[in-house]
Amino acid sequence: MINYAPLWKTMDDKGITTYALIAKYGIGSKTVYNLKHNKSITMFTLSKLCHILDCTPNDVVTFNFEEYNN
């Protein structure tokens, strides 16, 4: 399962809000919805988030592979 918990911590640490992602950085509101609901995003979006937040993918998303094995 995809989990964006690290994203919210990274955003909080950097002082960037979801409003700023949409209004200032051009991240679509549907993408923000997907992030909030732990749905998939494109690699392009992941790369863009990493650029905006000056971080690595590990600071944005984690995966729980155990759920895929059940």
PDB file of N, CA and C in Angstrom:
ATOM      1  N   MET A   1       0.843  -1.182   0.000  1.00  0.00           N
ATOM      2  CA  MET A   1       0.000   0.000   0.000  1.00  0.00           C
ATOM      3  C   MET A   1       0.891   1.249   0.000  1.00  0.00           C
ATOM      4  N   ILE A   2       0.477   2.220  -0.750  1.00  0.00           N
ATOM      5  CA  ILE A   2       1.175   3.507  -0.817  1.00  0.00           C
ATOM      6  C   ILE A   2       0.783   4.340   0.398  1.00  0.00           C
ATOM      7  N   ASN A   3       1.759   5.013   0.987  1.00  0.00           N
ATOM      8  CA  ASN A   3       1.490   5.868   2.145  1.00  0.00           C
ATOM      9  C   ASN A   3       2.305   7.149   2.006  1.00  0.00           C
ATOM     10  N   TYR A   4       1.616   8.277   2.019  1.00  0.00           N
ATOM     11  CA  TYR A   4       2.277   9.572   1.874  1.00  0.00           C
ATOM     12  C   TYR A   4       2.513  10.288   3.204  1.00  0.00           C
ATOM     13  N   ALA A   5       2.492   9.548   4.307  1.00  0.00           N
ATOM     14  CA  ALA A   5       2.764  10.159   5.614  1.00  0.00           C
ATOM     15  C   ALA A   5       4.076  10.936   5.635  1.00  0.00           C
ATOM     16  N   PRO A   6       5.150  10.425   5.009  1.00  0.00           N
ATOM     17  CA  PRO A   6       6.387  11.210   5.011  1.00  0.00           C
ATOM     18  C   PRO A   6       6.243  12.567   4.313  1.00  0.00           C
ATOM     19  N   LEU A   7       5.379  12.629   3.303  1.00  0.00           N
ATOM     20  CA  LEU A   7       5.158  13.899   2.594  1.00  0.00           C
ATOM     21  C   LEU A   7       4.636  14.967   3.531  1.00  0.00           C
ATOM     22  N   TRP A   8       3.641  14.622   4.329  1.00  0.00           N
ATOM     23  CA  TRP A   8       3.024  15.626   5.217  1.00  0.00           C
ATOM     24  C   TRP A   8       4.024  16.116   6.255  1.00  0.00           C
ATOM     25  N   LYS A   9       4.882  15.232   6.740  1.00  0.00           N
ATOM     26  CA  LYS A   9       5.918  15.649   7.688  1.00  0.00           C
ATOM     27  C   LYS A   9       6.929  16.550   6.994  1.00  0.00           C
ATOM     28  N   THR A  10       7.358  16.164   5.789  1.00  0.00           N
ATOM     29  CA  THR A  10       8.322  16.967   5.042  1.00  0.00           C
ATOM     30  C   THR A  10       7.751  18.340   4.732  1.00  0.00           C
ATOM     31  N   MET A  11       6.499  18.379   4.304  1.00  0.00           N
ATOM     32  CA  MET A  11       5.865  19.669   4.014  1.00  0.00           C
ATOM     33  C   MET A  11       5.797  20.535   5.264  1.00  0.00           C
ATOM     34  N   ASP A  12       5.432  19.923   6.379  1.00  0.00           N
ATOM     35  CA  ASP A  12       5.369  20.665   7.645  1.00  0.00           C
ATOM     36  C   ASP A  12       6.741  21.206   8.027  1.00  0.00           C
ATOM     37  N   ASP A  13       7.757  20.375   7.887  1.00  0.00           N
ATOM     38  CA  ASP A  13       9.128  20.790   8.212  1.00  0.00           C
ATOM     39  C   ASP A  13       9.589  21.947   7.330  1.00  0.00           C
ATOM     40  N   LYS A  14       9.155  21.954   6.069  1.00  0.00           N
ATOM     41  CA  LYS A  14       9.575  22.982   5.107  1.00  0.00           C
ATOM     42  C   LYS A  14       8.635  24.180   5.084  1.00  0.00           C
ATOM     43  N   GLY A  15       7.519  24.088   5.808  1.00  0.00           N
ATOM     44  CA  GLY A  15       6.561  25.193   5.848  1.00  0.00           C
ATOM     45  C   GLY A  15       5.788  25.371   4.550  1.00  0.00           C
ATOM     46  N   ILE A  16       5.529  24.273   3.838  1.00  0.00           N
ATOM     47  CA  ILE A  16       4.783  24.333   2.586  1.00  0.00           C
ATOM     48  C   ILE A  16       3.418  23.673   2.791  1.00  0.00           C
ATOM     49  N   THR A  17       2.372  24.384   2.416  1.00  0.00           N
ATOM     50  CA  THR A  17       1.001  23.897   2.588  1.00  0.00           C
ATOM     51  C   THR A  17       0.493  23.258   1.299  1.00  0.00           C
ATOM     52  N   THR A  18      -0.619  22.545   1.416  1.00  0.00           N
ATOM     53  CA  THR A  18      -1.240  21.990   0.209  1.00  0.00           C
ATOM     54  C   THR A  18      -1.726  23.127  -0.690  1.00  0.00           C
ATOM     55  N   TYR A  19      -2.167  24.222  -0.098  1.00  0.00           N
ATOM     56  CA  TYR A  19      -2.572  25.387  -0.894  1.00  0.00           C
ATOM     57  C   TYR A  19      -1.401  25.893  -1.724  1.00  0.00           C
ATOM     58  N   ALA A  20      -0.223  25.956  -1.134  1.00  0.00           N
ATOM     59  CA  ALA A  20       0.968  26.409  -1.867  1.00  0.00           C
ATOM     60  C   ALA A  20       1.307  25.436  -2.996  1.00  0.00           C
ATOM     61  N   LEU A  21       1.156  24.132  -2.754  1.00  0.00           N
ATOM     62  CA  LEU A  21       1.415  23.163  -3.817  1.00  0.00           C
ATOM     63  C   LEU A  21       0.539  23.449  -5.032  1.00  0.00           C
ATOM     64  N   ILE A  22      -0.721  23.777  -4.770  1.00  0.00           N
ATOM     65  CA  ILE A  22      -1.670  24.033  -5.852  1.00  0.00           C
ATOM     66  C   ILE A  22      -1.441  25.409  -6.476  1.00  0.00           C
ATOM     67  N   ALA A  23      -1.447  26.449  -5.649  1.00  0.00           N
ATOM     68  CA  ALA A  23      -1.433  27.827  -6.149  1.00  0.00           C
ATOM     69  C   ALA A  23      -0.058  28.299  -6.625  1.00  0.00           C
ATOM     70  N   LYS A  24       0.973  27.939  -5.908  1.00  0.00           N
ATOM     71  CA  LYS A  24       2.313  28.452  -6.225  1.00  0.00           C
ATOM     72  C   LYS A  24       3.102  27.517  -7.133  1.00  0.00           C
ATOM     73  N   TYR A  25       2.945  26.207  -6.926  1.00  0.00           N
ATOM     74  CA  TYR A  25       3.792  25.253  -7.619  1.00  0.00           C
ATOM     75  C   TYR A  25       3.080  24.471  -8.730  1.00  0.00           C
ATOM     76  N   GLY A  26       1.790  24.688  -8.910  1.00  0.00           N
ATOM     77  CA  GLY A  26       1.076  24.092 -10.024  1.00  0.00           C
ATOM     78  C   GLY A  26       0.745  22.616  -9.903  1.00  0.00           C
ATOM     79  N   ILE A  27       0.751  22.096  -8.693  1.00  0.00           N
ATOM     80  CA  ILE A  27       0.313  20.716  -8.474  1.00  0.00           C
ATOM     81  C   ILE A  27      -1.217  20.728  -8.537  1.00  0.00           C
ATOM     82  N   GLY A  28      -1.784  19.851  -9.335  1.00  0.00           N
ATOM     83  CA  GLY A  28      -3.238  19.835  -9.515  1.00  0.00           C
ATOM     84  C   GLY A  28      -3.995  19.441  -8.268  1.00  0.00           C
ATOM     85  N   SER A  29      -5.205  19.972  -8.130  1.00  0.00           N
ATOM     86  CA  SER A  29      -6.020  19.650  -6.959  1.00  0.00           C
ATOM     87  C   SER A  29      -6.379  18.161  -6.938  1.00  0.00           C
ATOM     88  N   LYS A  30      -6.540  17.536  -8.111  1.00  0.00           N
ATOM     89  CA  LYS A  30      -6.798  16.097  -8.153  1.00  0.00           C
ATOM     90  C   LYS A  30      -5.582  15.320  -7.636  1.00  0.00           C
ATOM     91  N   THR A  31      -4.401  15.792  -7.932  1.00  0.00           N
ATOM     92  CA  THR A  31      -3.185  15.150  -7.427  1.00  0.00           C
ATOM     93  C   THR A  31      -3.119  15.269  -5.912  1.00  0.00           C
ATOM     94  N   VAL A  32      -3.440  16.435  -5.383  1.00  0.00           N
ATOM     95  CA  VAL A  32      -3.455  16.621  -3.927  1.00  0.00           C
ATOM     96  C   VAL A  32      -4.490  15.689  -3.301  1.00  0.00           C
ATOM     97  N   TYR A  33      -5.639  15.552  -3.960  1.00  0.00           N
ATOM     98  CA  TYR A  33      -6.662  14.619  -3.483  1.00  0.00           C
ATOM     99  C   TYR A  33      -6.086  13.198  -3.435  1.00  0.00           C
ATOM    100  N   ASN A  34      -5.396  12.797  -4.513  1.00  0.00           N
ATOM    101  CA  ASN A  34      -4.786  11.461  -4.552  1.00  0.00           C
ATOM    102  C   ASN A  34      -3.772  11.284  -3.430  1.00  0.00           C
ATOM    103  N   LEU A  35      -2.986  12.304  -3.174  1.00  0.00           N
ATOM    104  CA  LEU A  35      -2.003  12.240  -2.093  1.00  0.00           C
ATOM    105  C   LEU A  35      -2.694  12.067  -0.743  1.00  0.00           C
ATOM    106  N   LYS A  36      -3.729  12.835  -0.522  1.00  0.00           N
ATOM    107  CA  LYS A  36      -4.443  12.772   0.755  1.00  0.00           C
ATOM    108  C   LYS A  36      -5.119  11.423   0.976  1.00  0.00           C
ATOM    109  N   HIS A  37      -5.436  10.739  -0.115  1.00  0.00           N
ATOM    110  CA  HIS A  37      -6.136   9.459  -0.016  1.00  0.00           C
ATOM    111  C   HIS A  37      -5.230   8.269  -0.354  1.00  0.00           C
ATOM    112  N   ASN A  38      -3.911   8.501  -0.304  1.00  0.00           N
ATOM    113  CA  ASN A  38      -2.921   7.449  -0.535  1.00  0.00           C
ATOM    114  C   ASN A  38      -3.157   6.689  -1.839  1.00  0.00           C
ATOM    115  N   LYS A  39      -3.464   7.442  -2.886  1.00  0.00           N
ATOM    116  CA  LYS A  39      -3.629   6.863  -4.220  1.00  0.00           C
ATOM    117  C   LYS A  39      -2.363   7.127  -5.019  1.00  0.00           C
ATOM    118  N   SER A  40      -2.233   6.465  -6.139  1.00  0.00           N
ATOM    119  CA  SER A  40      -0.999   6.576  -6.915  1.00  0.00           C
ATOM    120  C   SER A  40      -0.868   7.940  -7.601  1.00  0.00           C
ATOM    121  N   ILE A  41       0.378   8.319  -7.833  1.00  0.00           N
ATOM    122  CA  ILE A  41       0.731   9.507  -8.584  1.00  0.00           C
ATOM    123  C   ILE A  41       1.778   9.101  -9.613  1.00  0.00           C
ATOM    124  N   THR A  42       2.038   9.959 -10.572  1.00  0.00           N
ATOM    125  CA  THR A  42       3.042   9.637 -11.586  1.00  0.00           C
ATOM    126  C   THR A  42       4.447   9.875 -11.046  1.00  0.00           C
ATOM    127  N   MET A  43       5.402   9.256 -11.718  1.00  0.00           N
ATOM    128  CA  MET A  43       6.806   9.494 -11.362  1.00  0.00           C
ATOM    129  C   MET A  43       7.174  10.953 -11.617  1.00  0.00           C
ATOM    130  N   PHE A  44       6.576  11.563 -12.639  1.00  0.00           N
ATOM    131  CA  PHE A  44       6.812  12.971 -12.919  1.00  0.00           C
ATOM    132  C   PHE A  44       6.379  13.822 -11.723  1.00  0.00           C
ATOM    133  N   THR A  45       5.209  13.515 -11.173  1.00  0.00           N
ATOM    134  CA  THR A  45       4.717  14.258 -10.006  1.00  0.00           C
ATOM    135  C   THR A  45       5.610  14.030  -8.802  1.00  0.00           C
ATOM    136  N   LEU A  46       6.034  12.791  -8.595  1.00  0.00           N
ATOM    137  CA  LEU A  46       6.957  12.500  -7.485  1.00  0.00           C
ATOM    138  C   LEU A  46       8.236  13.314  -7.646  1.00  0.00           C
ATOM    139  N   SER A  47       8.763  13.350  -8.852  1.00  0.00           N
ATOM    140  CA  SER A  47       9.974  14.130  -9.119  1.00  0.00           C
ATOM    141  C   SER A  47       9.737  15.617  -8.857  1.00  0.00           C
ATOM    142  N   LYS A  48       8.584  16.110  -9.283  1.00  0.00           N
ATOM    143  CA  LYS A  48       8.247  17.525  -9.069  1.00  0.00           C
ATOM    144  C   LYS A  48       8.137  17.843  -7.580  1.00  0.00           C
ATOM    145  N   LEU A  49       7.496  16.959  -6.817  1.00  0.00           N
ATOM    146  CA  LEU A  49       7.389  17.162  -5.369  1.00  0.00           C
ATOM    147  C   LEU A  49       8.770  17.178  -4.724  1.00  0.00           C
ATOM    148  N   CYS A  50       9.635  16.269  -5.144  1.00  0.00           N
ATOM    149  CA  CYS A  50      10.995  16.230  -4.596  1.00  0.00           C
ATOM    150  C   CYS A  50      11.748  17.518  -4.916  1.00  0.00           C
ATOM    151  N   HIS A  51      11.545  18.041  -6.111  1.00  0.00           N
ATOM    152  CA  HIS A  51      12.189  19.307  -6.487  1.00  0.00           C
ATOM    153  C   HIS A  51      11.643  20.460  -5.646  1.00  0.00           C
ATOM    154  N   ILE A  52      10.334  20.534  -5.507  1.00  0.00           N
ATOM    155  CA  ILE A  52       9.697  21.604  -4.724  1.00  0.00           C
ATOM    156  C   ILE A  52      10.176  21.565  -3.274  1.00  0.00           C
ATOM    157  N   LEU A  53      10.220  20.369  -2.707  1.00  0.00           N
ATOM    158  CA  LEU A  53      10.540  20.210  -1.286  1.00  0.00           C
ATOM    159  C   LEU A  53      12.028  20.004  -1.022  1.00  0.00           C
ATOM    160  N   ASP A  54      12.817  19.945  -2.088  1.00  0.00           N
ATOM    161  CA  ASP A  54      14.258  19.703  -1.969  1.00  0.00           C
ATOM    162  C   ASP A  54      14.508  18.477  -1.090  1.00  0.00           C
ATOM    163  N   CYS A  55      13.962  17.334  -1.550  1.00  0.00           N
ATOM    164  CA  CYS A  55      14.046  16.106  -0.765  1.00  0.00           C
ATOM    165  C   CYS A  55      14.178  14.909  -1.701  1.00  0.00           C
ATOM    166  N   THR A  56      14.183  13.719  -1.136  1.00  0.00           N
ATOM    167  CA  THR A  56      14.236  12.489  -1.910  1.00  0.00           C
ATOM    168  C   THR A  56      12.864  11.808  -1.882  1.00  0.00           C
ATOM    169  N   PRO A  57      12.640  10.816  -2.745  1.00  0.00           N
ATOM    170  CA  PRO A  57      11.361  10.102  -2.713  1.00  0.00           C
ATOM    171  C   PRO A  57      11.039   9.485  -1.347  1.00  0.00           C
ATOM    172  N   ASN A  58      12.060   9.094  -0.602  1.00  0.00           N
ATOM    173  CA  ASN A  58      11.816   8.541   0.741  1.00  0.00           C
ATOM    174  C   ASN A  58      11.198   9.557   1.678  1.00  0.00           C
ATOM    175  N   ASP A  59      11.331  10.846   1.370  1.00  0.00           N
ATOM    176  CA  ASP A  59      10.729  11.896   2.180  1.00  0.00           C
ATOM    177  C   ASP A  59       9.299  12.193   1.748  1.00  0.00           C
ATOM    178  N   VAL A  60       8.827  11.474   0.726  1.00  0.00           N
ATOM    179  CA  VAL A  60       7.485  11.706   0.183  1.00  0.00           C
ATOM    180  C   VAL A  60       6.578  10.493   0.363  1.00  0.00           C
ATOM    181  N   VAL A  61       7.107   9.305   0.129  1.00  0.00           N
ATOM    182  CA  VAL A  61       6.242   8.125   0.082  1.00  0.00           C
ATOM    183  C   VAL A  61       6.932   6.901   0.694  1.00  0.00           C
ATOM    184  N   THR A  62       6.113   6.026   1.254  1.00  0.00           N
ATOM    185  CA  THR A  62       6.576   4.709   1.694  1.00  0.00           C
ATOM    186  C   THR A  62       5.624   3.671   1.107  1.00  0.00           C
ATOM    187  N   PHE A  63       6.085   2.436   1.070  1.00  0.00           N
ATOM    188  CA  PHE A  63       5.283   1.334   0.559  1.00  0.00           C
ATOM    189  C   PHE A  63       5.232   0.231   1.603  1.00  0.00           C
ATOM    190  N   ASN A  64       4.069  -0.372   1.751  1.00  0.00           N
ATOM    191  CA  ASN A  64       3.916  -1.518   2.637  1.00  0.00           C
ATOM    192  C   ASN A  64       3.651  -2.734   1.756  1.00  0.00           C
ATOM    193  N   PHE A  65       4.701  -3.492   1.462  1.00  0.00           N
ATOM    194  CA  PHE A  65       4.583  -4.633   0.568  1.00  0.00           C
ATOM    195  C   PHE A  65       3.899  -5.824   1.218  1.00  0.00           C
ATOM    196  N   GLU A  66       3.831  -5.859   2.535  1.00  0.00           N
ATOM    197  CA  GLU A  66       3.175  -6.971   3.214  1.00  0.00           C
ATOM    198  C   GLU A  66       1.704  -7.086   2.828  1.00  0.00           C
ATOM    199  N   GLU A  67       1.067  -5.952   2.578  1.00  0.00           N
ATOM    200  CA  GLU A  67      -0.337  -5.978   2.201  1.00  0.00           C
ATOM    201  C   GLU A  67      -0.555  -6.609   0.834  1.00  0.00           C
ATOM    202  N   TYR A  68       0.456  -6.549  -0.046  1.00  0.00           N
ATOM    203  CA  TYR A  68       0.339  -7.159  -1.362  1.00  0.00           C
ATOM    204  C   TYR A  68       0.490  -8.670  -1.294  1.00  0.00           C
ATOM    205  N   ASN A  69       1.122  -9.161  -0.244  1.00  0.00           N
ATOM    206  CA  ASN A  69       1.357 -10.590  -0.113  1.00  0.00           C
ATOM    207  C   ASN A  69       0.189 -11.331   0.528  1.00  0.00           C
ATOM    208  N   ASN A  70      -0.787 -10.624   1.025  1.00  0.00           N
ATOM    209  CA  ASN A  70      -1.920 -11.262   1.702  1.00  0.00           C
ATOM    210  C   ASN A  70      -3.102 -11.428   0.783  1.00  0.00           C
TER     211      ASN A  70
END
